[in-house]
């Protein structure tokens, strides 16, 4: 006990009560009661309880997209960008990045209808990005890419010219906004190629590569496109060795981008006559694309179609049919795959089998015909067997355009060979209406009409199989470089 010398108080102390403090306490008690009742009635969420679906920041979706892109999964990349845009729908750069990947993914579509649909999605994305930020140099650069590739996803010459003009305008404007934007230079070089300004395209592409190599602020994604475009320019000028080197350089920055392997393989295939080893290198490139897809669990028919085309050009029809059948296993509804398989059968002189397969490609076919094709090409089954009824569905034929014309005139040749001249004549009229000035198409029509006329004169008993289609009826498939990209795999 501490002694202080003070007297100890024995009576109660007198403390005065503060009425304002009491009022505050009463208010807090009433607020607590009201809040508790609101929580119990679920009018207010309990504090510190996690939300059912936690909100992710945009950056996490962007990082997810970049991860998918680095391993070559373009569809998942696009989906990640879509999710990012749900969180930040006013971000023009996100629309541009998604549009660029959508454009790349069009290379993995097997027919023109699917390519046009994907490029329409890309245009919608970049149009929205441009609407949000029209004066962003990078957005304008990607707009140039999207409209350039769109130009050659369609056969309409007027629309193609319109898209090319839009692509050129966007590339020039991107450079005005930012003279240091080398990606805009690269895309401008690609536009020049598609305008058939070969020398100017080469100058711009070379200058772009030199600028990129002298700078340290260029991202890997930008270098990818700079060297990819350089490869496109080189191959369209016939410099396949240089194009191969440029594609290999691009693959250093995107080692899992399968369409680069497909383009690389196509360039190797161009050189096979100079050195047979390049044929194996082409097949290895296509196989590498297939391997990447297999590792990712992606069922992409395009690498197998490229392998099949390569074997077909070498006259190895059995190997070609095996690989195209593998592609058909991945997508048994794509009429383009049926067309490619029909070409293999026809070139292998298996005209009978080619009829049904080419019908599915050109005119479409019902489930019964499709089941017969699948049983022969894939499953080794009897179409009449009840267990085979699980196979087959209605297939819609391809429109007649530059991608499908070879299927049309090959099918017409097979029909003429079997004396089915009325059916063949329908196709001849379609071909005439779309390609009246094409020398190859007109020669095929004339020759097959002559076959039908000879069969009619000789009598029905000689209509089928007496006059075999000649080599000129279906010309050997050649690699013809078309603007924008390498020949189709």
Protein backbone atom coordinates (compact mmCIF):
# COMPACT_ATOMS: atom_id res chain seq x y z
CA UNK A 1 0.00 0.00 0.00
CA UNK A 2 1.32 3.32 -1.02
CA UNK A 3 1.08 6.03 1.66
CA UNK A 4 0.39 9.54 0.39
CA UNK A 5 -0.60 11.37 3.56
CA UNK A 6 -4.09 11.99 2.19
CA UNK A 7 -7.23 11.02 3.99
CA UNK A 8 -8.94 7.98 2.51
CA UNK A 9 -12.48 8.62 1.22
CA UNK A 10 -15.08 6.54 3.02
CA UNK A 11 -18.24 7.89 1.39
CA UNK A 12 -19.40 7.34 -2.20
CA UNK A 13 -17.80 9.57 -4.83
CA UNK A 14 -20.06 11.97 -6.65
CA UNK A 15 -19.68 11.74 -10.48
CA UNK A 16 -21.94 13.69 -12.78
CA UNK A 17 -23.63 11.76 -15.70
CA UNK A 18 -23.17 13.24 -19.24
CA UNK A 19 -26.57 13.11 -21.00
CA UNK A 20 -24.98 13.42 -24.48
CA UNK A 21 -22.93 10.28 -23.93
CA UNK A 22 -26.08 8.38 -23.01
CA UNK A 23 -27.75 9.62 -26.17
CA UNK A 24 -24.86 8.37 -28.34
CA UNK A 25 -25.01 4.95 -26.68
CA UNK A 26 -28.74 4.71 -27.30
CA UNK A 27 -28.31 5.62 -30.99
CA UNK A 28 -25.59 2.95 -31.45
CA UNK A 29 -27.73 0.30 -29.77
CA UNK A 30 -30.71 1.11 -31.98
CA UNK A 31 -28.53 1.04 -35.15
CA UNK A 32 -27.15 -2.36 -34.16
CA UNK A 33 -30.64 -3.77 -33.67
CA UNK A 34 -31.80 -2.44 -37.05
CA UNK A 35 -28.71 -3.78 -38.87
CA UNK A 36 -29.09 -7.23 -37.29
CA UNK A 37 -32.71 -7.44 -38.45
CA UNK A 38 -31.74 -6.40 -42.01
CA UNK A 39 -29.05 -9.10 -42.13
CA UNK A 40 -31.49 -11.73 -40.92
CA UNK A 41 -33.99 -10.68 -43.59
CA UNK A 42 -31.14 -10.84 -46.20
CA UNK A 43 -31.66 -7.20 -47.11
CA UNK A 44 -27.99 -6.67 -46.26
CA UNK A 45 -25.10 -9.08 -47.00
CA UNK A 46 -23.16 -10.25 -43.97
CA UNK A 47 -19.83 -8.46 -43.72
CA UNK A 48 -16.60 -10.33 -44.57
CA UNK A 49 -18.48 -13.16 -46.35
CA UNK A 50 -16.77 -13.88 -49.74
CA UNK A 51 -18.83 -13.20 -52.86
CA UNK A 52 -20.08 -16.31 -54.74
CA UNK A 53 -17.98 -15.41 -57.85
CA UNK A 54 -14.94 -13.34 -56.93
CA UNK A 55 -14.31 -10.48 -59.36
CA UNK A 56 -11.04 -10.85 -61.25
CA UNK A 57 -9.06 -7.87 -62.34
CA UNK A 58 -8.54 -7.37 -66.05
CA UNK A 59 -4.81 -7.99 -65.76
CA UNK A 60 -5.33 -11.58 -64.63
CA UNK A 61 -7.43 -12.35 -67.72
CA UNK A 62 -4.84 -10.70 -69.96
CA UNK A 63 -2.09 -12.80 -68.38
CA UNK A 64 -4.24 -15.88 -68.91
CA UNK A 65 -4.69 -14.95 -72.58
CA UNK A 66 -0.95 -14.45 -73.02
CA UNK A 67 -0.27 -17.83 -71.43
CA UNK A 68 -2.69 -19.58 -73.78
CA UNK A 69 -1.16 -17.76 -76.74
CA UNK A 70 2.36 -18.80 -75.75
CA UNK A 71 1.37 -22.49 -75.91
CA UNK A 72 -0.53 -22.07 -79.19
CA UNK A 73 -4.11 -22.39 -77.91
CA UNK A 74 -5.74 -19.58 -79.88
CA UNK A 75 -9.36 -20.40 -79.05
CA UNK A 76 -8.67 -20.25 -75.31
CA UNK A 77 -6.73 -17.03 -75.88
CA UNK A 78 -9.77 -15.45 -77.53
CA UNK A 79 -12.04 -16.62 -74.71
CA UNK A 80 -9.74 -15.09 -72.08
CA UNK A 81 -9.82 -11.76 -73.90
CA UNK A 82 -13.63 -11.93 -74.03
CA UNK A 83 -13.71 -12.37 -70.25
CA UNK A 84 -11.34 -9.45 -69.81
CA UNK A 85 -13.65 -7.29 -71.91
CA UNK A 86 -16.61 -8.27 -69.74
CA UNK A 87 -14.76 -6.63 -66.86
CA UNK A 88 -13.42 -3.68 -68.86
CA UNK A 89 -15.68 -3.23 -71.91
CA UNK A 90 -14.24 0.18 -72.79
CA UNK A 91 -10.63 -1.01 -73.30
CA UNK A 92 -9.77 -0.48 -76.98
CA UNK A 93 -6.40 -2.24 -76.72
CA UNK A 94 -8.10 -5.42 -75.49
CA UNK A 95 -10.38 -5.39 -78.53
CA UNK A 96 -7.33 -4.95 -80.75
CA UNK A 97 -5.45 -7.85 -79.16
CA UNK A 98 -8.47 -10.12 -79.45
CA UNK A 99 -8.96 -9.09 -83.08
CA UNK A 100 -5.35 -9.94 -83.87
CA UNK A 101 -5.67 -13.44 -82.42
CA UNK A 102 -9.02 -13.96 -84.16
CA UNK A 103 -7.28 -13.06 -87.41
CA UNK A 104 -4.50 -15.58 -86.81
CA UNK A 105 -7.02 -18.29 -85.97
CA UNK A 106 -8.69 -17.89 -89.36
CA UNK A 107 -5.63 -19.66 -90.81
CA UNK A 108 -6.76 -22.79 -89.00
CA UNK A 109 -10.18 -22.87 -90.69
CA UNK A 110 -10.44 -25.47 -93.43
CA UNK A 111 -13.02 -23.82 -95.70
CA UNK A 112 -13.89 -20.34 -96.90
CA UNK A 113 -17.23 -20.17 -95.04
CA UNK A 114 -15.55 -20.71 -91.68
CA UNK A 115 -12.71 -18.32 -92.52
CA UNK A 116 -15.16 -15.60 -93.51
CA UNK A 117 -17.10 -16.10 -90.28
CA UNK A 118 -13.99 -15.82 -88.13
CA UNK A 119 -12.76 -12.73 -89.99
CA UNK A 120 -16.19 -11.14 -89.51
CA UNK A 121 -15.69 -11.62 -85.76
CA UNK A 122 -12.25 -10.03 -86.00
CA UNK A 123 -13.65 -7.02 -87.88
CA UNK A 124 -16.38 -6.58 -85.27
CA UNK A 125 -13.74 -6.58 -82.53
CA UNK A 126 -11.41 -4.09 -84.16
CA UNK A 127 -14.30 -1.86 -85.26
CA UNK A 128 -15.36 -1.60 -81.62
CA UNK A 129 -11.80 -0.85 -80.55
CA UNK A 130 -11.51 1.85 -83.21
CA UNK A 131 -14.82 3.34 -82.14
CA UNK A 132 -13.60 3.59 -78.54
CA UNK A 133 -10.15 5.01 -79.32
CA UNK A 134 -9.85 6.10 -82.96
CA UNK A 135 -6.52 7.86 -82.42
CA UNK A 136 -4.61 4.94 -80.92
CA UNK A 137 -1.75 4.02 -83.27
CA UNK A 138 -1.63 0.38 -82.18
CA UNK A 139 -5.37 -0.07 -82.63
CA UNK A 140 -5.13 1.39 -86.14
CA UNK A 141 -2.20 -0.93 -86.93
CA UNK A 142 -4.19 -4.01 -85.96
CA UNK A 143 -7.13 -2.66 -87.97
CA UNK A 144 -4.84 -2.77 -91.00
CA UNK A 145 -4.01 -6.42 -90.32
CA UNK A 146 -7.64 -7.43 -89.85
CA UNK A 147 -8.95 -5.76 -93.00
CA UNK A 148 -6.01 -6.99 -95.06
CA UNK A 149 -6.66 -10.61 -94.14
CA UNK A 150 -10.40 -10.08 -94.56
CA UNK A 151 -9.81 -9.02 -98.16
CA UNK A 152 -8.62 -12.49 -99.12
CA UNK A 153 -11.12 -14.44 -97.10
CA UNK A 154 -13.75 -13.51 -99.68
CA UNK A 155 -14.07 -13.90 -103.45
CA UNK A 156 -16.04 -10.71 -104.13
CA UNK A 157 -13.61 -8.44 -106.00
CA UNK A 158 -15.41 -5.22 -105.05
CA UNK A 159 -15.51 -6.07 -101.35
CA UNK A 160 -11.89 -7.20 -101.51
CA UNK A 161 -10.80 -3.86 -102.93
CA UNK A 162 -12.80 -2.04 -100.27
CA UNK A 163 -11.14 -4.02 -97.48
CA UNK A 164 -7.68 -3.49 -98.94
CA UNK A 165 -8.30 0.24 -99.14
CA UNK A 166 -9.40 0.26 -95.51
CA UNK A 167 -6.30 -1.71 -94.53
CA UNK A 168 -3.98 0.72 -96.30
CA UNK A 169 -5.72 3.75 -94.79
CA UNK A 170 -5.43 2.31 -91.28
CA UNK A 171 -1.72 1.49 -91.68
CA UNK A 172 -0.90 4.97 -92.96
CA UNK A 173 -2.90 6.61 -90.18
CA UNK A 174 -1.19 4.45 -87.56
CA UNK A 175 2.18 5.74 -88.76
CA UNK A 176 0.94 9.34 -88.67
CA UNK A 177 -0.14 8.87 -85.08
CA UNK A 178 3.16 7.24 -84.07
CA UNK A 179 6.04 7.34 -86.57
CA UNK A 180 7.96 4.88 -84.37
CA UNK A 181 5.28 2.17 -84.65
CA UNK A 182 7.18 -0.56 -86.51
CA UNK A 183 4.22 -2.92 -86.31
CA UNK A 184 2.28 -0.50 -88.50
CA UNK A 185 5.19 -0.65 -90.98
CA UNK A 186 5.04 -4.46 -91.01
CA UNK A 187 1.31 -4.54 -91.66
CA UNK A 188 1.68 -1.90 -94.36
CA UNK A 189 4.22 -4.15 -96.11
CA UNK A 190 1.67 -6.97 -96.02
CA UNK A 191 -0.94 -4.71 -97.58
CA UNK A 192 1.52 -3.78 -100.33
CA UNK A 193 2.06 -7.47 -101.10
CA UNK A 194 -1.67 -7.93 -101.49
CA UNK A 195 -1.79 -4.92 -103.78
CA UNK A 196 0.90 -6.68 -105.84
CA UNK A 197 3.42 -3.92 -105.20
CA UNK A 198 6.18 -6.47 -104.73
CA UNK A 199 9.25 -4.21 -104.80
CA UNK A 200 7.77 -1.59 -102.51
CA UNK A 201 6.64 -4.29 -100.09
CA UNK A 202 10.17 -5.70 -100.00
CA UNK A 203 11.66 -2.28 -99.24
CA UNK A 204 9.24 -1.60 -96.39
CA UNK A 205 9.62 -5.10 -94.91
CA UNK A 206 13.42 -4.94 -94.96
CA UNK A 207 13.43 -1.50 -93.34
CA UNK A 208 11.04 -2.76 -90.67
CA UNK A 209 13.30 -5.69 -89.82
CA UNK A 210 16.34 -3.42 -89.64
CA UNK A 211 14.50 -1.01 -87.33
CA UNK A 212 13.34 -3.85 -85.06
CA UNK A 213 16.84 -5.30 -84.79
CA UNK A 214 18.26 -1.94 -83.73
CA UNK A 215 15.72 -1.32 -80.96
CA UNK A 216 15.34 -2.83 -77.51
CA UNK A 217 11.80 -1.66 -76.85
CA UNK A 218 10.14 -4.06 -79.30
CA UNK A 219 8.10 -6.81 -77.63
CA UNK A 220 8.29 -10.45 -78.66
CA UNK A 221 4.73 -10.29 -80.00
CA UNK A 222 5.67 -7.40 -82.25
CA UNK A 223 8.82 -9.19 -83.47
CA UNK A 224 6.69 -12.23 -84.24
CA UNK A 225 4.62 -10.28 -86.75
CA UNK A 226 7.57 -8.33 -88.12
CA UNK A 227 9.35 -11.54 -89.15
CA UNK A 228 6.13 -13.27 -90.18
CA UNK A 229 5.33 -10.46 -92.59
CA UNK A 230 8.92 -10.45 -93.84
CA UNK A 231 8.50 -14.16 -94.63
CA UNK A 232 5.25 -13.47 -96.50
CA UNK A 233 6.91 -10.75 -98.57
CA UNK A 234 9.89 -12.96 -99.38
CA UNK A 235 7.83 -15.96 -100.46
CA UNK A 236 5.54 -13.85 -102.60
CA UNK A 237 8.67 -12.64 -104.37
CA UNK A 238 9.79 -16.26 -104.83
CA UNK A 239 12.60 -16.14 -102.23
CA UNK A 240 11.67 -19.36 -100.45
CA UNK A 241 15.00 -19.85 -98.68
CA UNK A 242 14.77 -16.39 -97.18
CA UNK A 243 11.12 -16.98 -96.27
CA UNK A 244 12.08 -20.16 -94.41
CA UNK A 245 14.70 -18.28 -92.41
CA UNK A 246 12.17 -15.55 -91.56
CA UNK A 247 9.56 -18.06 -90.44
CA UNK A 248 12.14 -19.79 -88.24
CA UNK A 249 12.95 -16.40 -86.74
CA UNK A 250 9.27 -15.73 -86.07
CA UNK A 251 9.00 -19.14 -84.38
CA UNK A 252 11.68 -18.08 -81.92
CA UNK A 253 9.15 -15.63 -80.50
CA UNK A 254 6.11 -17.92 -80.81
CA UNK A 255 7.39 -21.52 -80.79
CA UNK A 256 3.92 -23.03 -80.41
CA UNK A 257 2.01 -21.09 -83.05
CA UNK A 258 0.90 -23.90 -85.33
CA UNK A 259 0.01 -21.87 -88.42
CA UNK A 260 3.64 -20.71 -88.60
CA UNK A 261 4.74 -24.36 -88.83
CA UNK A 262 2.16 -24.90 -91.58
CA UNK A 263 3.46 -21.92 -93.56
CA UNK A 264 7.05 -23.04 -92.97
CA UNK A 265 6.22 -26.53 -94.25
CA UNK A 266 4.57 -25.12 -97.35
CA UNK A 267 7.76 -23.23 -98.20
CA UNK A 268 9.86 -26.37 -97.70
CA UNK A 269 7.46 -28.14 -100.04
CA UNK A 270 8.10 -25.50 -102.69
CA UNK A 271 11.78 -26.49 -102.72
CA UNK A 272 11.34 -30.26 -102.91
CA UNK A 273 12.36 -30.39 -106.59
CA UNK A 274 15.69 -28.76 -105.77
CA UNK A 275 16.41 -31.10 -102.88
CA UNK A 276 14.28 -34.14 -101.87
CA UNK A 277 15.27 -33.56 -98.24
CA UNK A 278 13.00 -30.53 -98.17
CA UNK A 279 10.01 -32.83 -98.62
CA UNK A 280 10.82 -34.54 -95.33
CA UNK A 281 11.37 -31.16 -93.70
CA UNK A 282 7.93 -30.09 -94.90
CA UNK A 283 6.34 -33.21 -93.43
CA UNK A 284 8.24 -32.66 -90.17
CA UNK A 285 6.90 -29.10 -89.93
CA UNK A 286 3.32 -30.25 -90.47
CA UNK A 287 3.82 -33.08 -87.97
CA UNK A 288 5.15 -30.58 -85.41
CA UNK A 289 1.91 -28.59 -85.71
CA UNK A 290 -0.09 -31.79 -85.19
CA UNK A 291 2.04 -32.67 -82.16
CA UNK A 292 1.45 -29.29 -80.51
CA UNK A 293 -2.30 -29.68 -81.00
CA UNK A 294 -2.21 -33.18 -79.56
CA UNK A 295 -0.36 -31.96 -76.47
CA UNK A 296 -3.00 -29.28 -75.97
CA UNK A 297 -5.88 -31.66 -76.60
CA UNK A 298 -6.93 -29.66 -79.67
CA UNK A 299 -8.55 -31.69 -82.46
CA UNK A 300 -7.39 -29.61 -85.41
CA UNK A 301 -7.65 -31.26 -88.84
CA UNK A 302 -5.47 -28.72 -90.68
CA UNK A 303 -2.01 -30.28 -90.06
CA UNK A 304 -3.28 -33.67 -91.26
CA UNK A 305 -4.77 -32.05 -94.35
CA UNK A 306 -1.36 -30.49 -95.06
CA UNK A 307 0.34 -33.88 -94.69
CA UNK A 308 -2.29 -35.50 -96.89
CA UNK A 309 -1.87 -32.87 -99.61
CA UNK A 310 1.89 -33.37 -99.57
CA UNK A 311 1.59 -37.14 -100.02
CA UNK A 312 -1.01 -36.66 -102.75
CA UNK A 313 1.33 -34.41 -104.70
CA UNK A 314 3.95 -37.15 -104.46
CA UNK A 315 1.51 -39.76 -105.80
CA UNK A 316 1.39 -41.62 -102.45
CA UNK A 317 -2.37 -41.83 -102.40
CA UNK A 318 -2.73 -44.42 -99.65
CA UNK A 319 -0.76 -42.28 -97.17
CA UNK A 320 -2.66 -39.20 -98.36
CA UNK A 321 -6.03 -40.90 -97.75
CA UNK A 322 -4.95 -42.05 -94.28
CA UNK A 323 -4.07 -38.53 -93.17
CA UNK A 324 -7.15 -36.90 -94.67
CA UNK A 325 -9.28 -39.60 -93.04
CA UNK A 326 -7.65 -38.64 -89.73
CA UNK A 327 -8.73 -35.06 -90.36
CA UNK A 328 -12.24 -36.31 -91.13
CA UNK A 329 -12.25 -38.07 -87.78
CA UNK A 330 -11.76 -34.70 -86.08
CA UNK A 331 -14.50 -32.98 -88.07
CA UNK A 332 -16.86 -35.20 -90.04
CA UNK A 333 -19.17 -32.29 -90.91
CA UNK A 334 -16.70 -30.17 -92.89
CA UNK A 335 -17.44 -30.44 -96.64
CA UNK A 336 -13.93 -29.22 -97.52
CA UNK A 337 -12.39 -32.34 -95.97
CA UNK A 338 -14.68 -34.51 -98.08
CA UNK A 339 -13.54 -32.56 -101.12
CA UNK A 340 -9.89 -33.24 -100.36
CA UNK A 341 -10.53 -36.92 -99.79
CA UNK A 342 -12.49 -37.06 -103.05
CA UNK A 343 -9.51 -35.59 -104.91
CA UNK A 344 -7.26 -38.32 -103.52
CA UNK A 345 -9.68 -41.06 -104.61
CA UNK A 346 -10.02 -39.52 -108.06
CA UNK A 347 -6.28 -39.13 -108.60
CA UNK A 348 -5.81 -42.71 -107.42
CA UNK A 349 -8.31 -43.68 -110.17
CA UNK A 350 -10.81 -44.88 -107.56
CA UNK A 351 -13.55 -43.04 -109.42
CA UNK A 352 -16.42 -44.99 -107.87
CA UNK A 353 -15.47 -44.07 -104.30
CA UNK A 354 -14.87 -40.48 -105.32
CA UNK A 355 -18.50 -39.98 -106.39
CA UNK A 356 -20.17 -40.04 -102.97
CA UNK A 357 -17.32 -38.20 -101.25
CA UNK A 358 -17.30 -35.38 -103.81
CA UNK A 359 -21.09 -35.20 -103.71
CA UNK A 360 -20.87 -34.44 -99.96
CA UNK A 361 -18.35 -31.69 -100.72
CA UNK A 362 -20.12 -30.06 -103.68
CA UNK A 363 -23.85 -30.68 -103.41
CA UNK A 364 -24.07 -31.92 -99.86
CA UNK A 365 -25.40 -35.33 -98.91
CA UNK A 366 -27.94 -36.89 -96.60
CA UNK A 367 -27.14 -39.02 -93.56
CA UNK A 368 -27.36 -42.27 -95.53
CA UNK A 369 -24.79 -41.27 -98.14
CA UNK A 370 -22.60 -39.75 -95.44
CA UNK A 371 -22.76 -42.97 -93.43
CA UNK A 372 -21.58 -44.92 -96.46
CA UNK A 373 -18.61 -42.57 -96.88
CA UNK A 374 -17.65 -42.69 -93.21
CA UNK A 375 -17.89 -46.47 -93.09
CA UNK A 376 -15.50 -46.76 -96.03
CA UNK A 377 -13.08 -44.00 -95.07
CA UNK A 378 -13.02 -44.25 -91.29
CA UNK A 379 -14.78 -47.03 -89.50
CA UNK A 380 -14.55 -50.05 -91.81
CA UNK A 381 -18.20 -50.86 -91.18
CA UNK A 382 -21.16 -52.04 -93.21
CA UNK A 383 -23.51 -49.08 -93.76
CA UNK A 384 -26.46 -51.46 -93.48
CA UNK A 385 -25.34 -52.80 -90.10
CA UNK A 386 -27.55 -51.49 -87.26
CA UNK A 387 -24.43 -50.60 -85.30
CA UNK A 388 -23.41 -48.25 -88.12
CA UNK A 389 -26.57 -46.16 -87.73
CA UNK A 390 -24.73 -44.05 -85.15
CA UNK A 391 -22.65 -42.62 -88.00
CA UNK A 392 -23.70 -40.17 -90.66
CA UNK A 393 -25.46 -36.82 -90.72
CA UNK A 394 -26.61 -34.34 -93.32
CA UNK A 395 -23.74 -32.39 -94.89
CA UNK A 396 -24.16 -28.98 -96.53
CA UNK A 397 -22.14 -28.53 -99.73
CA UNK A 398 -19.63 -25.78 -100.39
CA UNK A 399 -20.43 -22.65 -102.34
CA UNK A 400 -18.60 -22.39 -105.65
CA UNK A 401 -15.56 -20.15 -105.21
CA UNK A 402 -11.81 -20.20 -105.77
CA UNK A 403 -11.32 -22.62 -102.88
CA UNK A 404 -13.93 -25.17 -103.96
CA UNK A 405 -13.78 -24.93 -107.76
CA UNK A 406 -11.39 -27.91 -108.00
CA UNK A 407 -13.96 -30.09 -106.19
CA UNK A 408 -16.70 -28.95 -108.56
CA UNK A 409 -14.90 -29.77 -111.79
CA UNK A 410 -13.46 -33.00 -110.39
CA UNK A 411 -16.93 -34.15 -109.37
CA UNK A 412 -18.23 -33.19 -112.81
CA UNK A 413 -15.44 -35.25 -114.40
CA UNK A 414 -16.33 -38.29 -112.29
CA UNK A 415 -20.01 -37.95 -113.23
CA UNK A 416 -19.13 -37.67 -116.92
CA UNK A 417 -16.91 -40.73 -116.67
CA UNK A 418 -19.83 -42.77 -115.37
CA UNK A 419 -22.18 -41.39 -118.03
CA UNK A 420 -24.17 -39.35 -115.50
CA UNK A 421 -24.13 -36.48 -117.95
CA UNK A 422 -27.34 -34.73 -116.90
CA UNK A 423 -25.97 -34.33 -113.37
CA UNK A 424 -22.60 -33.27 -114.76
CA UNK A 425 -24.22 -30.68 -117.04
CA UNK A 426 -25.72 -28.92 -114.00
CA UNK A 427 -22.20 -28.46 -112.64
CA UNK A 428 -20.87 -27.37 -116.04
CA UNK A 429 -23.45 -24.56 -116.11
CA UNK A 430 -22.51 -23.48 -112.58
CA UNK A 431 -18.84 -23.43 -113.52
CA UNK A 432 -19.55 -21.51 -116.71
CA UNK A 433 -21.50 -18.83 -114.87
CA UNK A 434 -18.76 -18.19 -112.31
CA UNK A 435 -15.63 -18.84 -114.38
CA UNK A 436 -16.53 -17.99 -118.00
CA UNK A 437 -13.01 -16.73 -118.77
CA UNK A 438 -10.92 -19.27 -116.88
CA UNK A 439 -8.98 -21.29 -119.47
CA UNK A 440 -8.46 -24.36 -117.25
CA UNK A 441 -12.10 -24.56 -116.18
CA UNK A 442 -13.34 -24.08 -119.74
CA UNK A 443 -10.98 -26.78 -121.04
CA UNK A 444 -12.27 -29.24 -118.42
CA UNK A 445 -15.88 -28.46 -119.29
CA UNK A 446 -15.23 -28.90 -123.02
CA UNK A 447 -13.40 -32.19 -122.57
CA UNK A 448 -16.05 -33.70 -120.31
CA UNK A 449 -18.86 -32.60 -122.58
CA UNK A 450 -17.00 -34.35 -125.39
CA UNK A 451 -16.84 -37.50 -123.25
CA UNK A 452 -20.60 -37.32 -122.72
CA UNK A 453 -21.23 -36.74 -126.43
CA UNK A 454 -19.06 -39.73 -127.39
CA UNK A 455 -20.85 -41.91 -124.87
CA UNK A 456 -24.25 -40.82 -126.19
CA UNK A 457 -23.23 -41.64 -129.76
CA UNK A 458 -21.75 -45.00 -128.78
CA UNK A 459 -24.76 -46.00 -126.69
CA UNK A 460 -25.54 -46.42 -123.05
CA UNK A 461 -23.59 -49.67 -122.75
CA UNK A 462 -20.35 -47.76 -123.23
CA UNK A 463 -21.28 -44.75 -121.18
CA UNK A 464 -19.40 -45.73 -118.05
CA UNK A 465 -15.74 -46.53 -117.94
CA UNK A 466 -14.89 -46.64 -121.64
CA UNK A 467 -13.38 -43.17 -121.83
CA UNK A 468 -11.25 -42.55 -118.78
CA UNK A 469 -10.69 -38.97 -117.61
CA UNK A 470 -7.45 -37.63 -119.01
CA UNK A 471 -4.79 -35.75 -117.08
CA UNK A 472 -6.05 -32.46 -118.52
CA UNK A 473 -9.52 -33.13 -117.14
CA UNK A 474 -8.20 -32.63 -113.62
CA UNK A 475 -4.88 -30.79 -113.80
CA UNK A 476 -2.16 -31.69 -111.36
CA UNK A 477 -2.39 -29.56 -108.25
CA UNK A 478 0.26 -26.88 -108.28
CA UNK A 479 1.39 -24.38 -105.72
CA UNK A 480 0.17 -20.96 -106.82
CA UNK A 481 1.12 -18.15 -104.51
CA UNK A 482 -1.81 -15.97 -103.61
CA UNK A 483 -1.61 -12.63 -101.81
CA UNK A 484 -1.56 -12.41 -98.00
CA UNK A 485 -0.23 -15.82 -97.09
CA UNK A 486 1.49 -18.95 -98.24
CA UNK A 487 -0.29 -21.47 -100.44
CA UNK A 488 -2.90 -23.44 -98.52
CA UNK A 489 -1.40 -26.26 -96.47
